[in-house]
């Protein structure tokens, strides 16, 4: 499999920066991976915190076991500061993911061209 395809698939399907790691571009991969990972952890933490809060309320009897009531609380808007943080984290994750895909493709293309050049030099000798 070409390095271009491999790196692009890794960055697309697994996580941003993983394609860079497969191309041995560890620093660049970390620059993309770390903010994406921290944003993902923040979003996951927020979602799990909200879910556990609702479960606690249901177990204590503060919230009826009515699916509509639970759905309304799940869909409730967070506070303005929470909303801003969630939006920023989401955009950081999206930007890292898209830029990771594009950059992994670009670096993979360069690696493939270098490999073709090296193979052609070997066959010419």
Protein backbone atom coordinates (compact mmCIF):
# COMPACT_ATOMS: atom_id res chain seq x y z
CA UNK A 1 0.00 0.00 0.00
CA UNK A 2 1.29 3.45 -0.88
CA UNK A 3 2.38 5.66 1.99
CA UNK A 4 -0.04 8.33 0.81
CA UNK A 5 -3.04 6.04 1.15
CA UNK A 6 -1.84 4.50 4.40
CA UNK A 7 -1.14 7.83 6.13
CA UNK A 8 -4.36 9.39 4.90
CA UNK A 9 -6.45 6.44 6.05
CA UNK A 10 -4.78 6.41 9.46
CA UNK A 11 -5.44 10.12 9.94
CA UNK A 12 -8.99 9.82 8.65
CA UNK A 13 -10.21 6.65 10.30
CA UNK A 14 -8.17 6.34 13.49
CA UNK A 15 -7.25 9.77 14.86
CA UNK A 16 -5.53 12.99 13.73
CA UNK A 17 -1.76 12.69 13.79
CA UNK A 18 -1.60 8.90 13.54
CA UNK A 19 -0.85 9.13 9.82
CA UNK A 20 2.11 11.35 10.64
CA UNK A 21 3.39 8.80 13.12
CA UNK A 22 3.25 6.12 10.41
CA UNK A 23 5.39 8.39 8.19
CA UNK A 24 7.90 8.97 11.03
CA UNK A 25 6.94 12.64 11.38
CA UNK A 26 6.54 12.43 15.15
CA UNK A 27 6.82 16.13 16.05
CA UNK A 28 4.32 17.20 13.43
CA UNK A 29 2.08 14.32 14.46
CA UNK A 30 2.18 15.44 18.09
CA UNK A 31 1.32 19.01 17.10
CA UNK A 32 -1.85 17.66 15.50
CA UNK A 33 -2.53 14.78 17.91
CA UNK A 34 -2.26 16.56 21.27
CA UNK A 35 -4.80 19.38 20.76
CA UNK A 36 -7.20 16.95 19.08
CA UNK A 37 -6.81 14.45 21.91
CA UNK A 38 -7.28 17.09 24.61
CA UNK A 39 -10.38 18.43 22.85
CA UNK A 40 -11.77 14.93 22.49
CA UNK A 41 -11.15 14.19 26.18
CA UNK A 42 -12.82 17.46 27.17
CA UNK A 43 -15.89 16.71 25.03
CA UNK A 44 -16.08 13.13 26.31
CA UNK A 45 -15.69 14.26 29.92
CA UNK A 46 -18.47 16.79 29.47
CA UNK A 47 -20.83 14.22 27.92
CA UNK A 48 -20.10 11.60 30.58
CA UNK A 49 -20.47 14.15 33.37
CA UNK A 50 -23.89 15.12 32.03
CA UNK A 51 -24.92 11.47 31.70
CA UNK A 52 -23.78 10.55 35.22
CA UNK A 53 -25.56 13.58 36.67
CA UNK A 54 -28.81 12.47 35.02
CA UNK A 55 -28.35 8.89 36.22
CA UNK A 56 -27.77 10.11 39.77
CA UNK A 57 -30.92 12.23 39.63
CA UNK A 58 -32.93 9.27 38.36
CA UNK A 59 -31.55 6.96 41.07
CA UNK A 60 -32.30 9.49 43.83
CA UNK A 61 -35.85 9.92 42.52
CA UNK A 62 -35.40 13.60 41.63
CA UNK A 63 -36.14 12.83 37.99
CA UNK A 64 -38.98 10.59 36.82
CA UNK A 65 -38.12 7.60 34.66
CA UNK A 66 -39.94 9.23 31.77
CA UNK A 67 -38.07 9.08 28.43
CA UNK A 68 -39.45 12.47 27.34
CA UNK A 69 -38.32 14.21 30.52
CA UNK A 70 -34.87 12.65 30.23
CA UNK A 71 -34.64 13.61 26.55
CA UNK A 72 -35.51 17.22 27.38
CA UNK A 73 -32.76 17.38 30.00
CA UNK A 74 -30.22 15.79 27.63
CA UNK A 75 -31.10 18.29 24.91
CA UNK A 76 -31.07 21.27 27.30
CA UNK A 77 -28.69 24.06 26.34
CA UNK A 78 -25.60 24.32 28.48
CA UNK A 79 -24.70 27.61 30.11
CA UNK A 80 -23.13 30.24 27.87
CA UNK A 81 -19.61 29.65 29.20
CA UNK A 82 -20.00 25.86 28.82
CA UNK A 83 -21.39 26.33 25.34
CA UNK A 84 -18.44 28.48 24.33
CA UNK A 85 -15.95 25.90 25.67
CA UNK A 86 -17.80 23.06 23.91
CA UNK A 87 -17.80 24.95 20.62
CA UNK A 88 -14.10 25.81 20.89
CA UNK A 89 -13.21 22.20 21.70
CA UNK A 90 -15.34 20.95 18.83
CA UNK A 91 -13.73 23.33 16.35
CA UNK A 92 -10.24 22.47 17.56
CA UNK A 93 -11.01 18.78 17.01
CA UNK A 94 -12.46 19.42 13.54
CA UNK A 95 -9.58 21.66 12.44
CA UNK A 96 -6.99 19.19 13.72
CA UNK A 97 -8.73 16.30 12.01
CA UNK A 98 -9.09 18.00 8.62
CA UNK A 99 -5.61 19.54 8.66
CA UNK A 100 -4.18 16.19 9.80
CA UNK A 101 -5.77 14.42 6.85
CA UNK A 102 -4.56 17.01 4.35
CA UNK A 103 -1.04 17.15 5.78
CA UNK A 104 -0.74 13.36 6.04
CA UNK A 105 -1.75 13.09 2.39
CA UNK A 106 0.80 15.75 1.41
CA UNK A 107 3.62 14.15 3.39
CA UNK A 108 2.68 10.69 2.10
CA UNK A 109 2.80 11.99 -1.47
CA UNK A 110 6.29 13.39 -0.85
CA UNK A 111 7.41 10.07 0.69
CA UNK A 112 5.98 8.11 -2.26
CA UNK A 113 7.76 10.36 -4.76
CA UNK A 114 11.05 9.98 -2.88
CA UNK A 115 10.61 6.20 -2.84
CA UNK A 116 9.89 6.12 -6.59
CA UNK A 117 12.95 8.27 -7.26
CA UNK A 118 15.10 5.97 -5.14
CA UNK A 119 13.73 2.84 -6.88
CA UNK A 120 14.35 4.34 -10.31
CA UNK A 121 17.94 5.14 -9.36
CA UNK A 122 18.47 1.57 -8.17
CA UNK A 123 17.07 0.07 -11.39
CA UNK A 124 19.15 2.48 -13.50
CA UNK A 125 22.36 1.16 -12.01
